[in-house]
Amino acid sequence: MHFVDAKGILTGSGGHFGMNIYRGCSHGCIYCDSRSKCYQFTHPFEDIEVKQNAPELMEMTLKSKRKKGMIGTGSMSDPYMHCEEDLRLTRKCLEIIYRYGFGVAVQTKSDRILQDIDLLDKINRSTKCVVQITLTTYDDDLCSIIEPNVCNTKRRIEVLEAMHERGIPTIVWLTPILPFINDTEENIRAILDECIRVGVKGIICFDMGLTLRDGDREYYYAALDKHFPGVKRKYIERYGNAYEVPSPNAKELMALFKSTCKENGIMYSPDACFEFMHTLPDKYEQMSLFDET
């Protein structure tokens, strides 16, 4: 872990912004796209870069914005990694977001988010909060292999349930689905059944498969050699160096996913899910027109 003074903390414009307090990750997920060379990391991925002045930047930035909006975090680096336990920079930024009347959409794999559930509840009651949780496999033994340094699936489902009990809307990322590993009907059905039970608002699944870029691919293949002997050869023979790596079962699994969501009133179009996460309720947008700068 190393500390930097960042020049800015928010990206985006209008009513939708992105925030990444940390760069890199300690979860160790074997498929992580953020390891890809295209993101131009100049330090080891597990050596977390910490934007130590994030709260100060957040205060200065939101104070100057007239139009309220949604602030998303977690798309590149999980805001609830191990270092958040001590640094609490995510919480400090959430407190500022609450104070200035912005909404937030948080994406994580970690149950550490429960430490902030009271604050997230306050944000949701005053503006809007959406909690996004990634679920890839219902099998916790498999989860410990492909996502080794973060809480297991059962615990993440408990997080979803706790948020639902508070009235905080939740979105599940059903991705990635790894060919020859977790791309089974049994796995997808089990995850969907739990999503129904805990009342998720929507599920994002672009396709049943994963993407592999230079940097990410090498790390993933090394993990396949270690944990799934013989599977790397199947990938090379079937996909070569392709970026998109769909499951051989993708058509059947996507049909199951869509029909289940339709039957249970769960949003499943990525566009619909993103629109929901990026949009403040009209009353708050209207109120913001009368806010002082």
C-alpha atoms as a PDB file:
ATOM      1  CA  MET A   1       0.000   0.000   0.000  1.00  0.00           C
ATOM      2  CA  HIS A   2       1.283   3.444  -0.883  1.00  0.00           C
ATOM      3  CA  PHE A   3      -0.204   6.929  -0.605  1.00  0.00           C
ATOM      4  CA  VAL A   4      -0.593   9.678  -3.192  1.00  0.00           C
ATOM      5  CA  ASP A   5      -2.164  13.113  -3.368  1.00  0.00           C
ATOM      6  CA  ALA A   6      -4.606  12.973  -6.249  1.00  0.00           C
ATOM      7  CA  LYS A   7      -5.492  15.967  -8.411  1.00  0.00           C
ATOM      8  CA  GLY A   8      -9.141  14.980  -8.694  1.00  0.00           C
ATOM      9  CA  ILE A   9     -11.604  12.467  -7.259  1.00  0.00           C
ATOM     10  CA  LEU A  10     -14.674  12.556  -9.551  1.00  0.00           C
ATOM     11  CA  THR A  11     -15.009  11.739 -13.223  1.00  0.00           C
ATOM     12  CA  GLY A  12     -18.053  12.326 -15.404  1.00  0.00           C
ATOM     13  CA  SER A  13     -20.431  15.220 -15.784  1.00  0.00           C
ATOM     14  CA  GLY A  14     -24.111  16.159 -15.651  1.00  0.00           C
ATOM     15  CA  GLY A  15     -25.886  13.995 -13.128  1.00  0.00           C
ATOM     16  CA  HIS A  16     -23.616  10.934 -13.135  1.00  0.00           C
ATOM     17  CA  PHE A  17     -20.128  10.752 -11.652  1.00  0.00           C
ATOM     18  CA  GLY A  18     -17.542   8.091 -10.868  1.00  0.00           C
ATOM     19  CA  MET A  19     -15.239   7.874  -7.851  1.00  0.00           C
ATOM     20  CA  ASN A  20     -12.250   5.595  -7.220  1.00  0.00           C
ATOM     21  CA  ILE A  21     -10.430   6.162  -3.952  1.00  0.00           C
ATOM     22  CA  TYR A  22      -8.142   3.169  -4.361  1.00  0.00           C
ATOM     23  CA  ARG A  23      -6.234   1.796  -7.353  1.00  0.00           C
ATOM     24  CA  GLY A  24      -5.369  -1.895  -7.420  1.00  0.00           C
ATOM     25  CA  CYS A  25      -7.036  -4.579  -5.332  1.00  0.00           C
ATOM     26  CA  SER A  26      -6.298  -7.150  -2.634  1.00  0.00           C
ATOM     27  CA  HIS A  27      -9.220  -9.537  -3.297  1.00  0.00           C
ATOM     28  CA  GLY A  28      -7.136 -11.765  -5.597  1.00  0.00           C
ATOM     29  CA  CYS A  29      -9.963 -12.695  -8.019  1.00  0.00           C
ATOM     30  CA  ILE A  30      -8.368 -14.847 -10.689  1.00  0.00           C
ATOM     31  CA  TYR A  31     -10.313 -13.252 -13.565  1.00  0.00           C
ATOM     32  CA  CYS A  32      -9.928  -9.550 -12.677  1.00  0.00           C
ATOM     33  CA  ASP A  33     -10.090  -7.338 -15.777  1.00  0.00           C
ATOM     34  CA  SER A  34      -8.505  -4.431 -13.900  1.00  0.00           C
ATOM     35  CA  ARG A  35      -5.155  -6.226 -14.142  1.00  0.00           C
ATOM     36  CA  SER A  36      -5.165  -5.674 -17.898  1.00  0.00           C
ATOM     37  CA  LYS A  37      -2.230  -3.810 -19.424  1.00  0.00           C
ATOM     38  CA  CYS A  38      -4.564  -1.236 -20.975  1.00  0.00           C
ATOM     39  CA  TYR A  39      -5.051   0.352 -17.545  1.00  0.00           C
ATOM     40  CA  GLN A  40      -1.327   1.135 -17.392  1.00  0.00           C
ATOM     41  CA  PHE A  41      -0.532   0.292 -13.801  1.00  0.00           C
ATOM     42  CA  THR A  42       2.911   1.542 -12.835  1.00  0.00           C
ATOM     43  CA  HIS A  43       2.962  -0.420  -9.576  1.00  0.00           C
ATOM     44  CA  PRO A  44       2.142  -4.028  -8.611  1.00  0.00           C
ATOM     45  CA  PHE A  45      -1.616  -4.596  -8.636  1.00  0.00           C
ATOM     46  CA  GLU A  46      -1.678  -5.717  -4.978  1.00  0.00           C
ATOM     47  CA  ASP A  47       0.302  -2.630  -3.898  1.00  0.00           C
ATOM     48  CA  ILE A  48      -2.803  -0.516  -3.406  1.00  0.00           C
ATOM     49  CA  GLU A  49      -2.549   3.119  -4.409  1.00  0.00           C
ATOM     50  CA  VAL A  50      -4.438   5.206  -1.861  1.00  0.00           C
ATOM     51  CA  LYS A  51      -5.721   8.664  -2.735  1.00  0.00           C
ATOM     52  CA  GLN A  52      -5.167   9.964   0.762  1.00  0.00           C
ATOM     53  CA  ASN A  53      -6.676  13.383   0.037  1.00  0.00           C
ATOM     54  CA  ALA A  54      -9.920  11.914  -1.347  1.00  0.00           C
ATOM     55  CA  PRO A  55     -12.196  13.389   1.374  1.00  0.00           C
ATOM     56  CA  GLU A  56     -10.733  16.867   0.941  1.00  0.00           C
ATOM     57  CA  LEU A  57     -11.147  16.638  -2.834  1.00  0.00           C
ATOM     58  CA  MET A  58     -14.702  15.372  -2.425  1.00  0.00           C
ATOM     59  CA  GLU A  59     -15.605  18.249  -0.117  1.00  0.00           C
ATOM     60  CA  MET A  60     -14.162  20.828  -2.500  1.00  0.00           C
ATOM     61  CA  THR A  61     -15.755  19.246  -5.586  1.00  0.00           C
ATOM     62  CA  LEU A  62     -19.289  18.757  -4.262  1.00  0.00           C
ATOM     63  CA  LYS A  63     -19.325  22.178  -2.651  1.00  0.00           C
ATOM     64  CA  SER A  64     -18.865  23.728  -6.091  1.00  0.00           C
ATOM     65  CA  LYS A  65     -21.540  21.674  -7.902  1.00  0.00           C
ATOM     66  CA  ARG A  66     -24.974  23.170  -8.360  1.00  0.00           C
ATOM     67  CA  LYS A  67     -26.664  20.108  -9.907  1.00  0.00           C
ATOM     68  CA  LYS A  68     -27.070  17.035  -7.721  1.00  0.00           C
ATOM     69  CA  GLY A  69     -26.450  13.585  -9.155  1.00  0.00           C
ATOM     70  CA  MET A  70     -25.484   9.986  -8.516  1.00  0.00           C
ATOM     71  CA  ILE A  71     -21.904   9.074  -7.637  1.00  0.00           C
ATOM     72  CA  GLY A  72     -20.797   5.559  -8.513  1.00  0.00           C
ATOM     73  CA  THR A  73     -17.838   3.767  -6.980  1.00  0.00           C
ATOM     74  CA  GLY A  74     -16.324   0.300  -7.257  1.00  0.00           C
ATOM     75  CA  SER A  75     -16.126  -0.167 -11.026  1.00  0.00           C
ATOM     76  CA  MET A  76     -12.319  -0.383 -11.099  1.00  0.00           C
ATOM     77  CA  SER A  77     -11.288  -1.038  -7.489  1.00  0.00           C
ATOM     78  CA  ASP A  78     -13.435  -2.297  -4.623  1.00  0.00           C
ATOM     79  CA  PRO A  79     -14.090   0.538  -2.136  1.00  0.00           C
ATOM     80  CA  TYR A  80     -14.234  -1.993   0.714  1.00  0.00           C
ATOM     81  CA  MET A  81     -10.866  -3.702   0.396  1.00  0.00           C
ATOM     82  CA  HIS A  82      -8.872  -4.691   3.471  1.00  0.00           C
ATOM     83  CA  CYS A  83      -7.207  -1.268   3.739  1.00  0.00           C
ATOM     84  CA  GLU A  84     -10.610   0.415   4.178  1.00  0.00           C
ATOM     85  CA  GLU A  85     -10.855  -1.307   7.575  1.00  0.00           C
ATOM     86  CA  ASP A  86      -8.254   1.114   8.946  1.00  0.00           C
ATOM     87  CA  LEU A  87      -8.303   4.074   6.541  1.00  0.00           C
ATOM     88  CA  ARG A  88     -12.109   4.531   6.320  1.00  0.00           C
ATOM     89  CA  LEU A  89     -11.717   6.827   3.311  1.00  0.00           C
ATOM     90  CA  THR A  90     -14.806   5.387   1.645  1.00  0.00           C
ATOM     91  CA  ARG A  91     -16.882   6.168   4.720  1.00  0.00           C
ATOM     92  CA  LYS A  92     -15.475   9.695   4.952  1.00  0.00           C
ATOM     93  CA  CYS A  93     -16.427  10.324   1.322  1.00  0.00           C
ATOM     94  CA  LEU A  94     -19.892   8.840   1.873  1.00  0.00           C
ATOM     95  CA  GLU A  95     -20.424  11.221   4.786  1.00  0.00           C
ATOM     96  CA  ILE A  96     -19.604  14.151   2.497  1.00  0.00           C
ATOM     97  CA  ILE A  97     -21.880  12.784  -0.237  1.00  0.00           C
ATOM     98  CA  TYR A  98     -24.685  12.597   2.314  1.00  0.00           C
ATOM     99  CA  ARG A  99     -24.041  16.095   3.613  1.00  0.00           C
ATOM    100  CA  TYR A 100     -24.215  17.640   0.138  1.00  0.00           C
ATOM    101  CA  GLY A 101     -27.336  15.732  -0.918  1.00  0.00           C
ATOM    102  CA  PHE A 102     -25.905  13.510  -3.644  1.00  0.00           C
ATOM    103  CA  GLY A 103     -26.884   9.901  -4.280  1.00  0.00           C
ATOM    104  CA  VAL A 104     -24.499   6.966  -4.437  1.00  0.00           C
ATOM    105  CA  ALA A 105     -24.210   3.590  -6.155  1.00  0.00           C
ATOM    106  CA  VAL A 106     -21.643   1.333  -4.481  1.00  0.00           C
ATOM    107  CA  GLN A 107     -20.249  -1.830  -6.083  1.00  0.00           C
ATOM    108  CA  THR A 108     -18.403  -4.357  -3.899  1.00  0.00           C
ATOM    109  CA  LYS A 109     -17.772  -8.009  -3.122  1.00  0.00           C
ATOM    110  CA  SER A 110     -17.060  -7.348   0.543  1.00  0.00           C
ATOM    111  CA  ASP A 111     -19.265  -7.635   3.621  1.00  0.00           C
ATOM    112  CA  ARG A 112     -17.241  -4.758   5.035  1.00  0.00           C
ATOM    113  CA  ILE A 113     -19.925  -2.545   3.506  1.00  0.00           C
ATOM    114  CA  LEU A 114     -22.183  -3.562   6.404  1.00  0.00           C
ATOM    115  CA  GLN A 115     -20.083  -1.341   8.664  1.00  0.00           C
ATOM    116  CA  ASP A 116     -21.584   1.601   6.769  1.00  0.00           C
ATOM    117  CA  ILE A 117     -25.150   0.347   6.444  1.00  0.00           C
ATOM    118  CA  ASP A 118     -26.533   3.050   8.766  1.00  0.00           C
ATOM    119  CA  LEU A 119     -24.913   5.752   6.638  1.00  0.00           C
ATOM    120  CA  LEU A 120     -26.077   4.141   3.389  1.00  0.00           C
ATOM    121  CA  ASP A 121     -29.573   3.988   4.858  1.00  0.00           C
ATOM    122  CA  LYS A 122     -29.439   7.717   5.614  1.00  0.00           C
ATOM    123  CA  ILE A 123     -28.320   8.495   2.071  1.00  0.00           C
ATOM    124  CA  ASN A 124     -31.103   6.352   0.640  1.00  0.00           C
ATOM    125  CA  ARG A 125     -33.717   8.068   2.797  1.00  0.00           C
ATOM    126  CA  SER A 126     -32.551  11.555   1.843  1.00  0.00           C
ATOM    127  CA  THR A 127     -31.620  11.008  -1.825  1.00  0.00           C
ATOM    128  CA  LYS A 128     -30.833   7.545  -3.207  1.00  0.00           C
ATOM    129  CA  CYS A 129     -28.441   4.673  -2.541  1.00  0.00           C
ATOM    130  CA  VAL A 130     -27.976   1.546  -4.634  1.00  0.00           C
ATOM    131  CA  VAL A 131     -25.768  -1.325  -3.444  1.00  0.00           C
ATOM    132  CA  GLN A 132     -24.298  -3.626  -6.077  1.00  0.00           C
ATOM    133  CA  ILE A 133     -22.890  -7.047  -5.197  1.00  0.00           C
ATOM    134  CA  THR A 134     -21.022  -9.426  -7.515  1.00  0.00           C
ATOM    135  CA  LEU A 135     -22.080 -13.084  -7.421  1.00  0.00           C
ATOM    136  CA  THR A 136     -20.329 -15.611  -9.649  1.00  0.00           C
ATOM    137  CA  THR A 137     -20.662 -19.017  -8.011  1.00  0.00           C
ATOM    138  CA  TYR A 138     -23.004 -20.481  -5.425  1.00  0.00           C
ATOM    139  CA  ASP A 139     -20.367 -23.047  -4.414  1.00  0.00           C
ATOM    140  CA  ASP A 140     -18.358 -21.511  -1.573  1.00  0.00           C
ATOM    141  CA  ASP A 141     -15.464 -23.928  -2.048  1.00  0.00           C
ATOM    142  CA  LEU A 142     -15.159 -22.778  -5.647  1.00  0.00           C
ATOM    143  CA  CYS A 143     -15.612 -19.180  -4.527  1.00  0.00           C
ATOM    144  CA  SER A 144     -12.584 -19.520  -2.245  1.00  0.00           C
ATOM    145  CA  ILE A 145     -10.501 -20.475  -5.296  1.00  0.00           C
ATOM    146  CA  ILE A 146     -11.644 -17.909  -7.836  1.00  0.00           C
ATOM    147  CA  GLU A 147     -12.193 -15.039  -5.330  1.00  0.00           C
ATOM    148  CA  PRO A 148      -9.817 -16.053  -2.528  1.00  0.00           C
ATOM    149  CA  ASN A 149      -9.376 -12.942  -0.364  1.00  0.00           C
ATOM    150  CA  VAL A 150     -12.928 -11.720   0.103  1.00  0.00           C
ATOM    151  CA  CYS A 151     -16.080 -13.012   1.789  1.00  0.00           C
ATOM    152  CA  ASN A 152     -17.877 -15.945   0.201  1.00  0.00           C
ATOM    153  CA  THR A 153     -21.111 -15.959  -1.777  1.00  0.00           C
ATOM    154  CA  LYS A 154     -23.331 -16.935   1.160  1.00  0.00           C
ATOM    155  CA  ARG A 155     -22.070 -13.931   3.097  1.00  0.00           C
ATOM    156  CA  ARG A 156     -22.643 -11.607   0.143  1.00  0.00           C
ATOM    157  CA  ILE A 157     -26.213 -12.855  -0.064  1.00  0.00           C
ATOM    158  CA  GLU A 158     -26.582 -11.931   3.605  1.00  0.00           C
ATOM    159  CA  VAL A 159     -25.407  -8.428   2.664  1.00  0.00           C
ATOM    160  CA  LEU A 160     -28.082  -8.235  -0.031  1.00  0.00           C
ATOM    161  CA  GLU A 161     -30.691  -9.385   2.461  1.00  0.00           C
ATOM    162  CA  ALA A 162     -29.611  -6.809   5.044  1.00  0.00           C
ATOM    163  CA  MET A 163     -29.814  -4.012   2.485  1.00  0.00           C
ATOM    164  CA  HIS A 164     -33.256  -5.162   1.348  1.00  0.00           C
ATOM    165  CA  GLU A 165     -34.490  -5.121   4.954  1.00  0.00           C
ATOM    166  CA  ARG A 166     -33.450  -1.447   5.129  1.00  0.00           C
ATOM    167  CA  GLY A 167     -35.221  -0.642   1.868  1.00  0.00           C
ATOM    168  CA  ILE A 168     -31.936  -0.034   0.058  1.00  0.00           C
ATOM    169  CA  PRO A 169     -32.267  -1.230  -3.563  1.00  0.00           C
ATOM    170  CA  THR A 170     -29.725  -3.797  -4.736  1.00  0.00           C
ATOM    171  CA  ILE A 171     -28.259  -4.827  -8.064  1.00  0.00           C
ATOM    172  CA  VAL A 172     -26.385  -8.101  -8.602  1.00  0.00           C
ATOM    173  CA  TRP A 173     -23.560  -8.453 -11.112  1.00  0.00           C
ATOM    174  CA  LEU A 174     -23.839 -12.018 -12.398  1.00  0.00           C
ATOM    175  CA  THR A 175     -20.429 -11.905 -14.002  1.00  0.00           C
ATOM    176  CA  PRO A 176     -18.075 -13.318 -14.984  1.00  0.00           C
ATOM    177  CA  ILE A 177     -19.253 -16.840 -15.705  1.00  0.00           C
ATOM    178  CA  LEU A 178     -16.144 -18.917 -16.388  1.00  0.00           C
ATOM    179  CA  PRO A 179     -16.354 -21.519 -19.179  1.00  0.00           C
ATOM    180  CA  PHE A 180     -15.851 -25.092 -17.942  1.00  0.00           C
ATOM    181  CA  ILE A 181     -15.817 -23.904 -14.308  1.00  0.00           C
ATOM    182  CA  ASN A 182     -19.052 -22.263 -13.100  1.00  0.00           C
ATOM    183  CA  ASP A 183     -21.105 -22.173 -16.321  1.00  0.00           C
ATOM    184  CA  THR A 184     -23.708 -24.714 -15.223  1.00  0.00           C
ATOM    185  CA  GLU A 185     -27.472 -24.533 -14.986  1.00  0.00           C
ATOM    186  CA  GLU A 186     -27.246 -25.664 -11.365  1.00  0.00           C
ATOM    187  CA  ASN A 187     -25.018 -22.714 -10.473  1.00  0.00           C
ATOM    188  CA  ILE A 188     -27.053 -20.089 -12.313  1.00  0.00           C
ATOM    189  CA  ARG A 189     -30.359 -21.379 -10.904  1.00  0.00           C
ATOM    190  CA  ALA A 190     -29.010 -21.354  -7.351  1.00  0.00           C
ATOM    191  CA  ILE A 191     -27.822 -17.752  -7.640  1.00  0.00           C
ATOM    192  CA  LEU A 192     -31.063 -16.605  -9.273  1.00  0.00           C
ATOM    193  CA  ASP A 193     -33.146 -18.315  -6.591  1.00  0.00           C
ATOM    194  CA  GLU A 194     -31.277 -16.390  -3.907  1.00  0.00           C
ATOM    195  CA  CYS A 195     -31.643 -13.132  -5.816  1.00  0.00           C
ATOM    196  CA  ILE A 196     -35.391 -13.683  -5.881  1.00  0.00           C
ATOM    197  CA  ARG A 197     -35.486 -14.560  -2.186  1.00  0.00           C
ATOM    198  CA  VAL A 198     -33.629 -11.432  -1.058  1.00  0.00           C
ATOM    199  CA  GLY A 199     -35.547  -9.100  -3.359  1.00  0.00           C
ATOM    200  CA  VAL A 200     -32.871  -7.728  -5.672  1.00  0.00           C
ATOM    201  CA  LYS A 201     -33.999  -4.901  -7.946  1.00  0.00           C
ATOM    202  CA  GLY A 202     -31.968  -5.937 -10.971  1.00  0.00           C
ATOM    203  CA  ILE A 203     -29.283  -8.301 -12.248  1.00  0.00           C
ATOM    204  CA  ILE A 204     -26.590  -7.316 -14.730  1.00  0.00           C
ATOM    205  CA  CYS A 205     -25.349 -10.076 -17.012  1.00  0.00           C
ATOM    206  CA  PHE A 206     -23.978  -9.073 -20.416  1.00  0.00           C
ATOM    207  CA  ASP A 207     -23.438 -12.697 -21.426  1.00  0.00           C
ATOM    208  CA  MET A 208     -22.482 -16.020 -19.897  1.00  0.00           C
ATOM    209  CA  GLY A 209     -18.710 -15.846 -20.200  1.00  0.00           C
ATOM    210  CA  LEU A 210     -15.806 -13.525 -19.489  1.00  0.00           C
ATOM    211  CA  THR A 211     -13.398 -11.190 -21.220  1.00  0.00           C
ATOM    212  CA  LEU A 212      -9.626 -11.585 -21.347  1.00  0.00           C
ATOM    213  CA  ARG A 213      -7.089  -8.899 -22.195  1.00  0.00           C
ATOM    214  CA  ASP A 214      -3.301  -8.901 -22.178  1.00  0.00           C
ATOM    215  CA  GLY A 215      -2.163  -8.926 -18.564  1.00  0.00           C
ATOM    216  CA  ASP A 216      -5.460 -10.290 -17.308  1.00  0.00           C
ATOM    217  CA  ARG A 217      -5.201 -13.391 -19.535  1.00  0.00           C
ATOM    218  CA  GLU A 218      -1.762 -14.392 -18.266  1.00  0.00           C
ATOM    219  CA  TYR A 219      -2.807 -14.126 -14.626  1.00  0.00           C
ATOM    220  CA  TYR A 220      -5.988 -16.090 -15.281  1.00  0.00           C
ATOM    221  CA  TYR A 221      -4.202 -18.842 -17.182  1.00  0.00           C
ATOM    222  CA  ALA A 222      -1.655 -19.231 -14.384  1.00  0.00           C
ATOM    223  CA  ALA A 223      -4.553 -19.708 -11.957  1.00  0.00           C
ATOM    224  CA  LEU A 224      -6.140 -22.287 -14.268  1.00  0.00           C
ATOM    225  CA  ASP A 225      -2.879 -24.261 -14.330  1.00  0.00           C
ATOM    226  CA  LYS A 226      -2.742 -24.164 -10.544  1.00  0.00           C
ATOM    227  CA  HIS A 227      -6.356 -24.980  -9.693  1.00  0.00           C
ATOM    228  CA  PHE A 228      -7.985 -26.480 -12.798  1.00  0.00           C
ATOM    229  CA  PRO A 229      -5.503 -28.739 -14.608  1.00  0.00           C
ATOM    230  CA  GLY A 230      -6.268 -29.163 -18.296  1.00  0.00           C
ATOM    231  CA  VAL A 231      -8.748 -26.287 -18.526  1.00  0.00           C
ATOM    232  CA  LYS A 232      -6.240 -23.797 -19.967  1.00  0.00           C
ATOM    233  CA  ARG A 233      -5.738 -26.067 -22.974  1.00  0.00           C
ATOM    234  CA  LYS A 234      -9.506 -26.025 -23.591  1.00  0.00           C
ATOM    235  CA  TYR A 235      -9.429 -22.221 -23.590  1.00  0.00           C
ATOM    236  CA  ILE A 236      -6.506 -22.021 -25.991  1.00  0.00           C
ATOM    237  CA  GLU A 237      -8.038 -24.547 -28.374  1.00  0.00           C
ATOM    238  CA  ARG A 238     -11.496 -22.986 -28.331  1.00  0.00           C
ATOM    239  CA  TYR A 239     -10.814 -19.264 -27.961  1.00  0.00           C
ATOM    240  CA  GLY A 240      -7.200 -18.575 -28.907  1.00  0.00           C
ATOM    241  CA  ASN A 241      -6.426 -14.984 -27.851  1.00  0.00           C
ATOM    242  CA  ALA A 242     -10.004 -13.744 -28.215  1.00  0.00           C
ATOM    243  CA  TYR A 243     -11.183 -10.897 -26.025  1.00  0.00           C
ATOM    244  CA  GLU A 244     -14.697 -12.285 -25.619  1.00  0.00           C
ATOM    245  CA  VAL A 245     -14.793 -15.797 -24.130  1.00  0.00           C
ATOM    246  CA  PRO A 246     -18.407 -17.044 -24.107  1.00  0.00           C
ATOM    247  CA  SER A 247     -19.447 -20.231 -22.369  1.00  0.00           C
ATOM    248  CA  PRO A 248     -20.373 -23.144 -24.657  1.00  0.00           C
ATOM    249  CA  ASN A 249     -23.636 -23.093 -22.670  1.00  0.00           C
ATOM    250  CA  ALA A 250     -24.206 -19.353 -23.103  1.00  0.00           C
ATOM    251  CA  LYS A 251     -27.392 -19.550 -25.173  1.00  0.00           C
ATOM    252  CA  GLU A 252     -29.189 -21.878 -22.765  1.00  0.00           C
ATOM    253  CA  LEU A 253     -27.975 -20.066 -19.658  1.00  0.00           C
ATOM    254  CA  MET A 254     -28.944 -16.624 -20.969  1.00  0.00           C
ATOM    255  CA  ALA A 255     -32.413 -17.939 -21.804  1.00  0.00           C
ATOM    256  CA  LEU A 256     -32.739 -19.254 -18.251  1.00  0.00           C
ATOM    257  CA  PHE A 257     -31.510 -15.949 -16.834  1.00  0.00           C
ATOM    258  CA  LYS A 258     -33.893 -13.778 -18.851  1.00  0.00           C
ATOM    259  CA  SER A 259     -36.964 -15.957 -18.346  1.00  0.00           C
ATOM    260  CA  THR A 260     -36.370 -16.178 -14.590  1.00  0.00           C
ATOM    261  CA  CYS A 261     -35.986 -12.419 -14.279  1.00  0.00           C
ATOM    262  CA  LYS A 262     -39.113 -11.780 -16.350  1.00  0.00           C
ATOM    263  CA  GLU A 263     -41.168 -14.183 -14.253  1.00  0.00           C
ATOM    264  CA  ASN A 264     -40.075 -12.511 -11.029  1.00  0.00           C
ATOM    265  CA  GLY A 265     -40.149  -8.845 -12.016  1.00  0.00           C
ATOM    266  CA  ILE A 266     -36.376  -8.351 -11.826  1.00  0.00           C
ATOM    267  CA  MET A 267     -34.690  -5.867 -14.163  1.00  0.00           C
ATOM    268  CA  TYR A 268     -32.270  -7.698 -16.431  1.00  0.00           C
ATOM    269  CA  SER A 269     -31.484  -5.290 -19.256  1.00  0.00           C
ATOM    270  CA  PRO A 270     -28.055  -3.729 -18.564  1.00  0.00           C
ATOM    271  CA  ASP A 271     -29.325  -0.404 -19.948  1.00  0.00           C
ATOM    272  CA  ALA A 272     -32.293  -0.423 -17.574  1.00  0.00           C
ATOM    273  CA  CYS A 273     -30.085  -1.286 -14.603  1.00  0.00           C
ATOM    274  CA  PHE A 274     -27.581   1.464 -15.430  1.00  0.00           C
ATOM    275  CA  GLU A 275     -30.320   4.024 -15.973  1.00  0.00           C
ATOM    276  CA  PHE A 276     -31.746   3.163 -12.564  1.00  0.00           C
ATOM    277  CA  MET A 277     -28.338   3.470 -10.872  1.00  0.00           C
ATOM    278  CA  HIS A 278     -27.410   6.716 -12.630  1.00  0.00           C
ATOM    279  CA  THR A 279     -30.670   8.600 -12.038  1.00  0.00           C
ATOM    280  CA  LEU A 280     -31.752  10.536  -8.982  1.00  0.00           C
ATOM    281  CA  PRO A 281     -35.491  10.679  -8.221  1.00  0.00           C
ATOM    282  CA  ASP A 282     -37.113  13.653  -9.955  1.00  0.00           C
ATOM    283  CA  LYS A 283     -37.949  15.407  -6.701  1.00  0.00           C
ATOM    284  CA  TYR A 284     -34.281  15.688  -5.757  1.00  0.00           C
ATOM    285  CA  GLU A 285     -33.254  16.913  -9.199  1.00  0.00           C
ATOM    286  CA  GLN A 286     -36.010  19.544  -9.026  1.00  0.00           C
ATOM    287  CA  MET A 287     -35.017  20.593  -5.535  1.00  0.00           C
ATOM    288  CA  SER A 288     -31.392  20.990  -6.598  1.00  0.00           C
ATOM    289  CA  LEU A 289     -32.388  23.758  -9.011  1.00  0.00           C
ATOM    290  CA  PHE A 290     -33.035  25.950  -5.997  1.00  0.00           C
ATOM    291  CA  ASP A 291     -29.897  24.984  -4.079  1.00  0.00           C
ATOM    292  CA  GLU A 292     -27.314  27.647  -3.501  1.00  0.00           C
ATOM    293  CA  THR A 293     -23.908  27.133  -5.106  1.00  0.00           C
END
